[in-house]
Each structure stands twice: as C-alpha cells, then as structure tokens.
Amino acid sequence: MSWDRLDPARRSQVLRGSLLRHLRIEVGPHSPFWSARAAEAGVELSRASPEDLGRIRPLGAWELGPGVRGETLLKVGLGGFLRGVPRPILWRTALAVLDHGEKAKWWEVERVYRPLRFLPWRDGRWEFLLGFSWEDLALQGRAGARAWRVMGLGTGGLALSLLDPAEDPSLFWTVHQAAEGAGLSLVHARLGGALAGLRPRLILVPEGGEAALEEALSRGVDPRELEALVVAARSWPPRFERPAALARAGVSSRVFALWLPPGGRVVYAHCGGGGAGLGPHLYPDMELVEVWREGEEGYAGPDVLEEAEGEVLLTGVSFRGGILLRYRSGSRFSGVVRKGTCPGCGRAVWRLEGEVRPGAWRKQVPGLGEVDLRALAWAASTSGVGEWSFVRGRRPRLEASGDPAALEAFRGRLRALGYGELAGTLDRRGPGGS
C-alpha cells in the first residue's frame, strides 16, 4: 500500500523503519564520509535512532569542494554489500549467483549502490555531482508515477517537454525520469526535432516558461488534445501565466505544478482536488524534507503540525547511489508544515503549505558578485570567532570578534570558499579589538 494510504500509526512506523535502515545499514557500513560527520555529533550510525538524524550537522555544498563525485560520499565493496544489504536484496543476489555465477554479485552491487549516472548540481558558485544507481533511477520513476496519481492526470500518452537540459540539468533529468515512470512518451523540444502537427496530452513547462510555450505553439504544436500544462519549478508556488495563444486556440487546459527542491531527487506535486495552495505532497519514505533554522537541532516527529520558517533540508531516505543527509538546499520556506489528511484529496501526507523561495541567502554585492550568507556563517562558526557581521554598502566588509588565531582561521576559510577579496576586508572588533 502507498505511503499516503496508510493510517497515521503505520505511517510513523514505516518512516522510522526507513530511517533506521538507511542510517544503520545503507550509510553507516559504507560511507566513511558520513560516519565521520556523524561521529562529530556523537552519533554512531550503526546504532543510530531516527532522532539522532537531527544531531548531525546540516551539510552545505561549500563543504564538498569542486567536482565531488558520489564515491566520496559512499564507498561500498563487495564484503560490505553482502553484510549490509536488506534481506530481500541478498536473496535476489543469491538467486542471481545460482543462475549466472559469481559475477552476478557485482551486478547487484552496481544496480543497488554504485553510481552509474552523475548529474551536476550547482549551488551558487559550488558544484558537485549527484550520483544515481539503477535502483535510484527506478525510484525516481516510482516517485513520478505517484506524483501523476496525486495530480489526477493518469498515466501514459504523449507529452512535450520544454525544459532546457543546459539551463538546469538536474531539473531536466529528474522530471524526465518521473515522466517516464508515469508511462509518458516524451518529446523534448529543446533537443531539436520537428514539432509541427504534434498533439501532446501534456506539456511540461519550466517556471516562467510562457515564451517557450508560445514558441512551441508557433512551431506547429497542435493543442487541441491538450489536457494540462505541468509547470516544473524550484520555487513554490511557481510563477506562470497561461499564454494568450492557448485562449486564442480555444484551449482551456488545467495547470498543475511539480516541485523539485534544489539538490533534491524526488518531484512533488499538489493534488488535483485542492490546487497549489494546499502545497506539494511530500513523501518522506523516499526523501525526508525538514525545515531548519541556523543553530537548531532535532528531527521533528512524524505527526507534528507546526508553523515553520527556515531552510529546507533534504535527506534521501531511499537513495543509495549517492548519500545526502540533511543537505542544505538554500531554499527558504515560510508557512505551515502539515502532517495530516489533505482536505483536497483525502490522502494522509505531509505538505508544505506556504511559500518556498530558492537561493534566499545568496546576495548580489557590487564589486564582489554573488555572496552566500550561509557559507559566511559556516566559515565563522567553524573558525572560532565570536560575533561577526557582513556590512554591505559602497565598500563591503566583514567584521568579527575573536583572538588573532580565530580571525586568521576565518580568513583562511573565506579564501578556500573563493572569497579572498572579502577576507582582506576582515576587521577585528569587540573585546580586545578596535
């Protein structure tokens, strides 16, 4: 039975079981990176509880360095695989060995854990590669089928995608995988090819993609069989206005929205019965979404209704090709996290009822370009400085209190982050300072 059809007690039980398996079995034995990071918080992953997740320090992209691959986050050998995998996978491995010999063990390792596809993810000036195993890609397809059911759009049929793989490759491929999971036959307008006479059932549009849709219609796309426009976005609710060309053609198709949080690997949809105002329906059995404020600890329990404002954190509960625990997406959420029954469709789901704004902590500063305030805060907190501030204006500068060693460590971290010019403006203030 799907997550959103379970009763609250069973839903909590499934989530706790998924988190326990992920931390103890799939991450702890195979990832030196995450084991060391958890140990900083006094957490031993092999014995971790779901509540221990909240003690692990959230991860920013700037901590990974340029071009980091999935193997850095997850290293798995054959011995660790055979010791740590869930029993059904072990049985499947044993059957494969009986049919194909010893080499079949490595087939399972590759399918379940080894990253076989890498998608570049850019968070401001920092970029790393998200790894996906075949199992992960199948999971994205299941998430897509679930999203299409939530929207009430059914499966199958022809869909035209106007998403641009060069502009946002992660969004492009994640939505592509989700659409395939929903059984759609996709035509990608941005990859070339003739569109004249094409009669899609659905059109996938990027946020603010009105001009791209107008262009597709001008190239001969026939909208007479169009059932819905699906807007894929990083923000919520997405910005989109129905082009006048559809009205002129007498088409009154519905508009739905898909949300992919920055750094996320699961697309979320709002239900067809309630609209985008009820928020995207979340599925923590696949990917756990938290709302976190700097300085806070703790994982909110599975059945909490709370007003929240803070940064969206992501934990890929069921993803194995590349592990992210409490990844800082850079999106600010303001609203209510609802963890009950959706009034629009009756599903028992988590929803983010409010506004999500990506890139909320990135500021354009004259003379310095884009500055990520989250990275500055991380550099300060890990350097041992006291109070600090970023003074914007005609001559941007940093001020901080602390001893000379802490201030020098702060400068070193700023240079490593690519903020060398800003490091040169650091002034000492407070006790013992000027």
Protein backbone atom coordinates (compact mmCIF):
# COMPACT_ATOMS: atom_id res chain seq x y z
CA MET A 1 0.00 0.00 0.00
CA SER A 2 1.24 3.51 -0.87
CA TRP A 3 2.54 5.78 1.92
CA ASP A 4 -0.38 8.22 1.55
CA ARG A 5 -2.96 5.48 2.12
CA LEU A 6 -1.55 4.27 5.45
CA ASP A 7 -3.09 5.18 8.81
CA PRO A 8 -1.01 7.59 10.98
CA ALA A 9 0.39 4.90 13.28
CA ARG A 10 1.51 2.72 10.41
CA ARG A 11 2.91 5.75 8.58
CA SER A 12 5.08 6.67 11.57
CA GLN A 13 6.25 3.08 11.83
CA VAL A 14 7.23 2.94 8.16
CA LEU A 15 9.13 6.22 8.37
CA ARG A 16 11.06 5.18 11.46
CA GLY A 17 11.90 1.84 9.86
CA SER A 18 13.08 3.53 6.66
CA LEU A 19 15.32 5.94 8.56
CA LEU A 20 16.75 3.16 10.75
CA ARG A 21 17.58 1.03 7.72
CA HIS A 22 19.09 3.98 5.88
CA LEU A 23 21.32 5.15 8.72
CA ARG A 24 22.35 1.79 10.19
CA ILE A 25 22.53 -0.46 7.14
CA GLU A 26 22.90 1.60 3.99
CA VAL A 27 25.02 4.54 5.18
CA GLY A 28 26.90 3.51 8.32
CA PRO A 29 28.82 0.48 6.97
CA HIS A 30 29.62 2.01 3.57
CA SER A 31 30.32 5.71 3.98
CA PRO A 32 33.45 6.92 5.81
CA PHE A 33 32.42 10.48 4.95
CA TRP A 34 29.08 10.29 6.75
CA SER A 35 30.33 8.08 9.57
CA ALA A 36 32.96 10.69 10.43
CA ARG A 37 30.46 13.52 10.16
CA ALA A 38 28.00 11.73 12.46
CA ALA A 39 30.80 10.97 14.93
CA GLU A 40 31.41 14.74 15.26
CA ALA A 41 27.94 14.91 16.81
CA GLY A 42 28.50 11.83 18.97
CA VAL A 43 26.33 9.63 16.75
CA GLU A 44 27.38 6.09 15.83
CA LEU A 45 25.46 5.33 12.65
CA SER A 46 25.45 1.57 13.22
CA ARG A 47 23.35 2.20 16.36
CA ALA A 48 21.60 5.41 15.35
CA SER A 49 17.94 6.14 16.00
CA PRO A 50 15.77 8.36 13.77
CA GLU A 51 16.03 11.13 16.37
CA ASP A 52 19.84 11.05 16.01
CA LEU A 53 19.46 12.39 12.49
CA GLY A 54 18.68 15.78 13.99
CA ARG A 55 22.05 15.84 15.76
CA ILE A 56 24.04 15.55 12.52
CA ARG A 57 25.19 18.96 11.31
CA PRO A 58 23.43 20.01 8.08
CA LEU A 59 25.66 19.83 5.00
CA GLY A 60 26.36 22.80 2.74
CA ALA A 61 27.60 22.42 -0.84
CA TRP A 62 30.69 24.50 0.02
CA GLU A 63 31.90 21.69 2.30
CA LEU A 64 32.16 19.23 -0.58
CA GLY A 65 34.61 21.06 -2.80
CA PRO A 66 34.54 21.32 -6.60
CA GLY A 67 33.54 18.36 -8.73
CA VAL A 68 32.98 15.93 -5.85
CA ARG A 69 31.69 12.59 -7.09
CA GLY A 70 29.32 10.20 -5.39
CA GLU A 71 32.15 7.83 -4.44
CA THR A 72 33.38 10.43 -1.93
CA LEU A 73 30.11 10.21 -0.06
CA LEU A 74 29.62 6.47 -0.38
CA LYS A 75 32.26 3.75 -0.75
CA VAL A 76 30.99 0.19 -0.90
CA GLY A 77 32.89 -3.01 -1.52
CA LEU A 78 31.51 -6.48 -2.09
CA GLY A 79 32.08 -7.54 1.52
CA GLY A 80 30.26 -4.53 2.92
CA PHE A 81 27.45 -5.00 0.43
CA LEU A 82 26.86 -8.62 1.46
CA ARG A 83 26.94 -7.71 5.15
CA GLY A 84 24.74 -4.65 4.94
CA VAL A 85 22.03 -5.02 2.32
CA PRO A 86 18.42 -5.72 3.29
CA ARG A 87 17.48 -9.39 3.17
CA PRO A 88 15.29 -9.27 0.01
CA ILE A 89 18.24 -7.88 -1.99
CA LEU A 90 20.51 -10.55 -0.52
CA TRP A 91 18.08 -13.26 -1.62
CA ARG A 92 17.93 -11.74 -5.10
CA THR A 93 21.74 -11.73 -5.21
CA ALA A 94 21.85 -15.40 -4.19
CA LEU A 95 19.39 -16.35 -6.94
CA ALA A 96 21.40 -14.36 -9.49
CA VAL A 97 24.57 -16.20 -8.45
CA LEU A 98 22.81 -19.55 -8.94
CA ASP A 99 21.76 -18.50 -12.44
CA HIS A 100 24.85 -16.60 -13.61
CA GLY A 101 27.75 -17.45 -11.32
CA GLU A 102 29.92 -15.33 -9.01
CA LYS A 103 29.99 -12.33 -11.34
CA ALA A 104 26.32 -11.74 -10.53
CA LYS A 105 27.31 -10.40 -7.09
CA TRP A 106 28.89 -7.36 -8.70
CA TRP A 107 25.86 -6.85 -10.89
CA GLU A 108 23.78 -6.36 -7.76
CA VAL A 109 26.36 -4.06 -6.19
CA GLU A 110 26.24 -1.86 -9.28
CA ARG A 111 22.47 -1.90 -9.51
CA VAL A 112 21.87 -1.06 -5.86
CA TYR A 113 24.81 1.12 -4.83
CA ARG A 114 27.34 2.03 -7.48
CA PRO A 115 26.62 5.44 -9.05
CA LEU A 116 26.14 4.85 -12.77
CA ARG A 117 24.74 8.27 -13.67
CA PHE A 118 26.06 11.58 -12.39
CA LEU A 119 24.16 14.84 -12.64
CA PRO A 120 25.96 18.12 -11.95
CA TRP A 121 24.35 20.17 -9.22
CA ARG A 122 25.33 23.82 -8.81
CA ASP A 123 24.55 25.70 -5.62
CA GLY A 124 25.70 29.22 -6.38
CA ARG A 125 29.45 29.07 -7.01
CA TRP A 126 29.82 25.48 -5.72
CA GLU A 127 29.17 22.41 -7.79
CA PHE A 128 29.20 18.70 -7.05
CA LEU A 129 27.85 15.61 -8.79
CA LEU A 130 24.78 13.75 -7.60
CA GLY A 131 25.21 10.00 -8.07
CA PHE A 132 22.43 7.62 -9.10
CA SER A 133 22.39 3.84 -9.22
CA TRP A 134 19.94 1.91 -11.39
CA GLU A 135 17.89 1.37 -8.25
CA ASP A 136 17.77 5.13 -7.68
CA LEU A 137 16.59 5.81 -11.22
CA ALA A 138 13.80 3.27 -10.77
CA LEU A 139 12.86 5.01 -7.51
CA GLN A 140 12.60 8.35 -9.33
CA GLY A 141 10.26 6.68 -11.81
CA ARG A 142 8.05 5.39 -8.98
CA ALA A 143 8.01 8.88 -7.48
CA GLY A 144 6.87 10.23 -10.83
CA ALA A 145 4.04 7.71 -11.11
CA ARG A 146 2.98 8.72 -7.60
CA ALA A 147 3.06 12.44 -8.49
CA TRP A 148 0.91 11.87 -11.57
CA ARG A 149 -1.64 9.97 -9.46
CA VAL A 150 -1.69 12.83 -6.95
CA MET A 151 -2.42 15.34 -9.74
CA GLY A 152 -5.11 13.03 -11.10
CA LEU A 153 -3.66 13.13 -14.60
CA GLY A 154 -3.46 9.41 -15.18
CA THR A 155 -0.57 7.72 -16.92
CA GLY A 156 0.52 7.13 -20.49
CA GLY A 157 0.12 9.26 -23.58
CA LEU A 158 2.31 11.78 -25.38
CA ALA A 159 3.97 14.63 -23.51
CA LEU A 160 6.03 17.54 -24.83
CA SER A 161 8.83 18.79 -22.57
CA LEU A 162 10.01 22.40 -22.87
CA LEU A 163 12.62 22.03 -20.10
CA ASP A 164 16.17 23.02 -21.02
CA PRO A 165 18.90 20.47 -20.13
CA ALA A 166 21.60 23.13 -20.42
CA GLU A 167 19.91 25.58 -18.06
CA ASP A 168 19.11 23.12 -15.24
CA PRO A 169 20.26 19.55 -15.99
CA SER A 170 19.14 18.19 -12.63
CA LEU A 171 15.59 19.50 -13.10
CA PHE A 172 15.50 18.30 -16.71
CA TRP A 173 16.57 14.72 -15.98
CA THR A 174 14.63 14.31 -12.74
CA VAL A 175 11.38 15.39 -14.38
CA HIS A 176 12.27 13.22 -17.40
CA GLN A 177 12.71 10.19 -15.13
CA ALA A 178 9.46 10.98 -13.31
CA ALA A 179 7.51 11.34 -16.57
CA GLU A 180 8.85 8.02 -17.84
CA GLY A 181 7.77 6.44 -14.54
CA ALA A 182 4.28 7.74 -15.25
CA GLY A 183 4.35 5.93 -18.60
CA LEU A 184 4.54 9.05 -20.77
CA SER A 185 6.15 9.11 -24.20
CA LEU A 186 8.34 12.23 -24.12
CA VAL A 187 9.33 14.59 -26.90
CA HIS A 188 11.96 17.15 -25.91
CA ALA A 189 11.59 20.44 -27.77
CA ARG A 190 15.00 21.68 -26.58
CA LEU A 191 16.78 18.69 -28.10
CA GLY A 192 15.70 19.56 -31.63
CA GLY A 193 13.30 17.83 -33.94
CA ALA A 194 10.11 18.80 -35.78
CA LEU A 195 7.12 19.81 -33.67
CA ALA A 196 4.62 20.56 -36.44
CA GLY A 197 1.44 18.55 -36.04
CA LEU A 198 2.40 17.18 -32.62
CA ARG A 199 -0.68 16.66 -30.43
CA PRO A 200 0.53 16.21 -26.85
CA ARG A 201 -1.72 15.22 -23.97
CA LEU A 202 0.52 17.14 -21.55
CA ILE A 203 3.12 19.88 -21.91
CA LEU A 204 5.90 20.17 -19.30
CA VAL A 205 6.91 23.82 -18.89
CA PRO A 206 9.67 25.47 -16.80
CA GLU A 207 8.75 28.20 -14.35
CA GLY A 208 8.44 31.45 -16.26
CA GLY A 209 8.33 29.44 -19.49
CA GLU A 210 5.49 31.31 -21.17
CA ALA A 211 7.74 32.40 -24.07
CA ALA A 212 8.95 28.80 -24.61
CA LEU A 213 5.34 27.63 -24.79
CA GLU A 214 4.43 30.40 -27.24
CA GLU A 215 7.41 29.37 -29.39
CA ALA A 216 6.35 25.70 -29.37
CA LEU A 217 2.84 26.68 -30.49
CA SER A 218 4.30 28.86 -33.23
CA ARG A 219 6.34 25.85 -34.44
CA GLY A 220 3.13 23.96 -35.14
CA VAL A 221 2.31 22.12 -31.90
CA ASP A 222 -1.41 21.33 -32.04
CA PRO A 223 -3.02 21.92 -28.58
CA ARG A 224 -6.46 20.52 -29.36
CA GLU A 225 -5.84 17.33 -27.36
CA LEU A 226 -4.01 19.11 -24.54
CA GLU A 227 -5.32 18.08 -21.10
CA ALA A 228 -2.95 20.00 -18.84
CA LEU A 229 0.15 22.13 -18.50
CA VAL A 230 2.59 20.90 -15.86
CA VAL A 231 4.96 23.59 -14.54
CA ALA A 232 8.24 22.21 -13.13
CA ALA A 233 9.87 24.62 -10.71
CA ARG A 234 12.35 25.08 -7.85
CA SER A 235 10.08 27.57 -6.06
CA TRP A 236 6.56 27.19 -4.72
CA PRO A 237 4.06 28.21 -5.86
CA PRO A 238 5.69 28.60 -9.28
CA ARG A 239 5.31 31.74 -11.35
CA PHE A 240 3.42 31.03 -14.57
CA GLU A 241 0.71 32.68 -16.63
CA ARG A 242 -1.27 30.85 -19.28
CA PRO A 243 -0.23 32.21 -22.70
CA ALA A 244 -2.83 34.04 -24.73
CA ALA A 245 -2.15 31.71 -27.68
CA LEU A 246 -3.96 28.90 -25.85
CA ALA A 247 -7.02 31.05 -25.31
CA ARG A 248 -6.99 32.07 -28.98
CA ALA A 249 -6.93 28.37 -29.89
CA GLY A 250 -9.93 27.75 -27.63
CA VAL A 251 -7.92 25.53 -25.24
CA SER A 252 -8.82 25.68 -21.55
CA SER A 253 -6.41 23.09 -20.15
CA ARG A 254 -5.69 22.92 -16.43
CA VAL A 255 -2.35 23.99 -14.92
CA PHE A 256 -0.51 21.79 -12.40
CA ALA A 257 2.84 22.22 -10.68
CA LEU A 258 5.77 19.96 -9.85
CA TRP A 259 8.30 21.00 -7.21
CA LEU A 260 11.91 19.81 -7.17
CA PRO A 261 13.83 21.34 -4.25
CA PRO A 262 17.43 22.33 -5.06
CA GLY A 263 19.61 19.26 -4.51
CA GLY A 264 16.55 17.02 -4.33
CA ARG A 265 15.91 13.87 -6.31
CA VAL A 266 12.13 13.44 -5.98
CA VAL A 267 9.49 15.58 -7.69
CA TYR A 268 6.46 16.57 -5.64
CA ALA A 269 3.03 17.59 -6.89
CA HIS A 270 -0.08 19.21 -5.50
CA CYS A 271 -3.32 17.28 -5.66
CA GLY A 272 -5.79 17.81 -8.44
CA GLY A 273 -8.61 18.33 -5.95
CA GLY A 274 -7.08 21.18 -3.99
CA GLY A 275 -4.70 23.19 -6.16
CA ALA A 276 -1.24 24.58 -5.46
CA GLY A 277 -2.47 26.48 -2.39
CA LEU A 278 -2.54 23.24 -0.39
CA GLY A 279 1.17 22.77 -1.04
CA PRO A 280 3.23 19.97 -2.57
CA HIS A 281 2.51 16.49 -1.21
CA LEU A 282 5.71 15.13 0.35
CA TYR A 283 6.84 11.52 0.64
CA PRO A 284 9.38 11.05 3.47
CA ASP A 285 9.58 7.33 2.76
CA MET A 286 11.62 8.40 -0.30
CA GLU A 287 13.12 11.76 0.68
CA LEU A 288 12.77 13.47 4.05
CA VAL A 289 12.13 17.22 3.95
CA GLU A 290 12.87 19.26 7.07
CA VAL A 291 12.60 22.97 7.81
CA TRP A 292 15.58 24.13 9.87
CA ARG A 293 16.81 27.32 11.47
CA GLU A 294 20.51 28.02 11.99
CA GLY A 295 21.50 26.85 15.47
CA GLU A 296 18.58 24.45 15.90
CA GLU A 297 18.93 20.74 16.48
CA GLY A 298 16.41 17.95 16.42
CA TYR A 299 14.33 15.99 13.96
CA ALA A 300 10.62 16.86 14.22
CA GLY A 301 8.47 13.82 14.92
CA PRO A 302 6.32 12.23 12.23
CA ASP A 303 2.94 13.70 13.21
CA VAL A 304 3.59 17.34 14.11
CA LEU A 305 1.69 20.39 12.92
CA GLU A 306 3.97 23.39 13.16
CA GLU A 307 4.43 26.85 11.81
CA ALA A 308 7.90 26.98 10.33
CA GLU A 309 10.27 29.39 8.69
CA GLY A 310 13.77 28.36 7.75
CA GLU A 311 15.92 26.47 5.28
CA VAL A 312 14.70 23.32 3.57
CA LEU A 313 16.91 20.31 4.38
CA LEU A 314 16.85 17.09 2.35
CA THR A 315 17.69 13.50 3.32
CA GLY A 316 17.46 10.90 0.55
CA VAL A 317 15.99 8.13 2.69
CA SER A 318 15.79 5.56 -0.11
CA PHE A 319 18.63 6.67 -2.39
CA ARG A 320 21.84 4.61 -2.40
CA GLY A 321 23.98 5.75 -5.34
CA GLY A 322 24.91 8.98 -3.59
CA ILE A 323 24.09 9.78 0.01
CA LEU A 324 22.92 13.18 1.26
CA LEU A 325 21.90 13.61 4.90
CA ARG A 326 20.32 16.94 5.86
CA TYR A 327 21.55 18.71 2.74
CA ARG A 328 21.08 22.48 2.88
CA SER A 329 19.04 23.29 -0.23
CA GLY A 330 19.33 27.07 0.07
CA SER A 331 15.53 27.38 -0.18
CA ARG A 332 13.67 29.35 2.48
CA PHE A 333 10.24 28.05 3.48
CA SER A 334 7.70 30.23 5.25
CA GLY A 335 4.36 28.71 6.19
CA VAL A 336 2.99 25.63 7.90
CA VAL A 337 4.23 22.04 7.74
CA ARG A 338 1.06 19.97 7.73
CA LYS A 339 1.26 16.29 8.58
CA GLY A 340 -2.30 15.11 8.42
CA THR A 341 -5.06 14.49 5.87
CA CYS A 342 -5.14 16.70 2.80
CA PRO A 343 -8.57 18.39 2.51
CA GLY A 344 -8.28 18.35 -1.27
CA CYS A 345 -7.75 14.65 -1.93
CA GLY A 346 -8.05 12.86 1.44
CA ARG A 347 -4.53 11.47 1.32
CA ALA A 348 -2.60 11.22 4.59
CA VAL A 349 0.51 13.16 3.57
CA TRP A 350 2.95 15.81 4.67
CA ARG A 351 2.50 19.15 2.89
CA LEU A 352 4.39 22.44 2.80
CA GLU A 353 1.56 24.94 2.90
CA GLY A 354 3.24 28.25 2.22
CA GLU A 355 6.00 29.75 0.09
CA VAL A 356 9.36 28.28 -0.92
CA ARG A 357 11.97 30.68 -2.27
CA PRO A 358 15.23 29.18 -3.65
CA GLY A 359 18.56 30.95 -3.34
CA ALA A 360 17.24 33.04 -0.45
CA TRP A 361 20.65 33.51 1.21
CA ARG A 362 22.55 34.47 -1.94
CA LYS A 363 23.03 38.21 -2.36
CA GLN A 364 24.46 40.21 -5.24
CA VAL A 365 27.09 42.59 -3.82
CA PRO A 366 28.68 45.32 -6.00
CA GLY A 367 32.33 44.58 -6.58
CA LEU A 368 32.11 41.06 -5.11
CA GLY A 369 29.45 39.39 -7.22
CA GLU A 370 27.25 36.80 -5.54
CA VAL A 371 27.83 36.18 -1.82
CA ASP A 372 26.23 33.27 0.01
CA LEU A 373 25.49 34.31 3.58
CA ARG A 374 25.17 30.66 4.64
CA ALA A 375 28.77 29.99 3.63
CA LEU A 376 29.96 33.06 5.54
CA ALA A 377 28.12 31.85 8.64
CA TRP A 378 29.66 28.38 8.29
CA ALA A 379 33.16 29.84 7.91
CA ALA A 380 32.65 31.95 11.02
CA SER A 381 31.18 29.17 13.16
CA THR A 382 33.94 26.69 12.27
CA SER A 383 36.74 29.22 12.84
CA GLY A 384 36.00 30.00 16.47
CA VAL A 385 35.27 33.71 16.00
CA GLY A 386 32.67 35.39 18.18
CA GLU A 387 30.11 37.83 16.85
CA TRP A 388 30.51 38.73 13.21
CA SER A 389 28.68 40.81 10.64
CA PHE A 390 28.75 41.41 6.90
CA VAL A 391 28.49 45.13 6.21
CA ARG A 392 27.09 45.90 2.78
CA GLY A 393 27.37 49.25 1.06
CA ARG A 394 29.78 51.07 -1.21
CA ARG A 395 32.71 49.29 0.49
CA PRO A 396 31.50 45.83 1.64
CA ARG A 397 33.47 44.36 4.53
CA LEU A 398 33.41 41.76 7.28
CA GLU A 399 33.72 42.45 10.98
CA ALA A 400 34.30 39.82 13.66
CA SER A 401 35.39 39.49 17.27
CA GLY A 402 37.90 36.91 18.46
CA ASP A 403 41.55 36.21 19.04
CA PRO A 404 44.07 36.59 16.18
CA ALA A 405 44.25 32.82 15.56
CA ALA A 406 40.46 32.55 15.13
CA LEU A 407 40.39 35.56 12.83
CA GLU A 408 43.19 34.11 10.70
CA ALA A 409 41.33 30.79 10.51
CA PHE A 410 38.25 32.74 9.41
CA ARG A 411 40.27 34.40 6.64
CA GLY A 412 41.65 31.05 5.53
CA ARG A 413 38.20 29.54 5.21
CA LEU A 414 36.96 32.56 3.29
CA ARG A 415 39.84 32.22 0.81
CA ALA A 416 39.12 28.49 0.41
CA LEU A 417 35.50 29.38 -0.40
CA GLY A 418 36.63 31.78 -3.10
CA TYR A 419 36.01 34.93 -1.06
CA GLY A 420 39.63 36.08 -0.97
CA GLU A 421 38.75 39.71 -1.60
CA LEU A 422 36.24 39.64 1.23
CA ALA A 423 38.79 38.01 3.54
CA GLY A 424 41.05 41.01 3.01
CA THR A 425 38.38 43.34 4.42
CA LEU A 426 38.02 41.44 7.72
CA ASP A 427 38.29 43.87 10.66
CA ARG A 428 38.67 42.92 14.28
CA ARG A 429 36.11 44.25 16.73
CA GLY A 430 34.76 43.53 20.20
CA PRO A 431 36.79 42.75 23.36
CA GLY A 432 40.45 43.29 22.65
CA GLY A 433 39.67 44.62 19.18
CA SER A 434 39.39 48.07 17.70
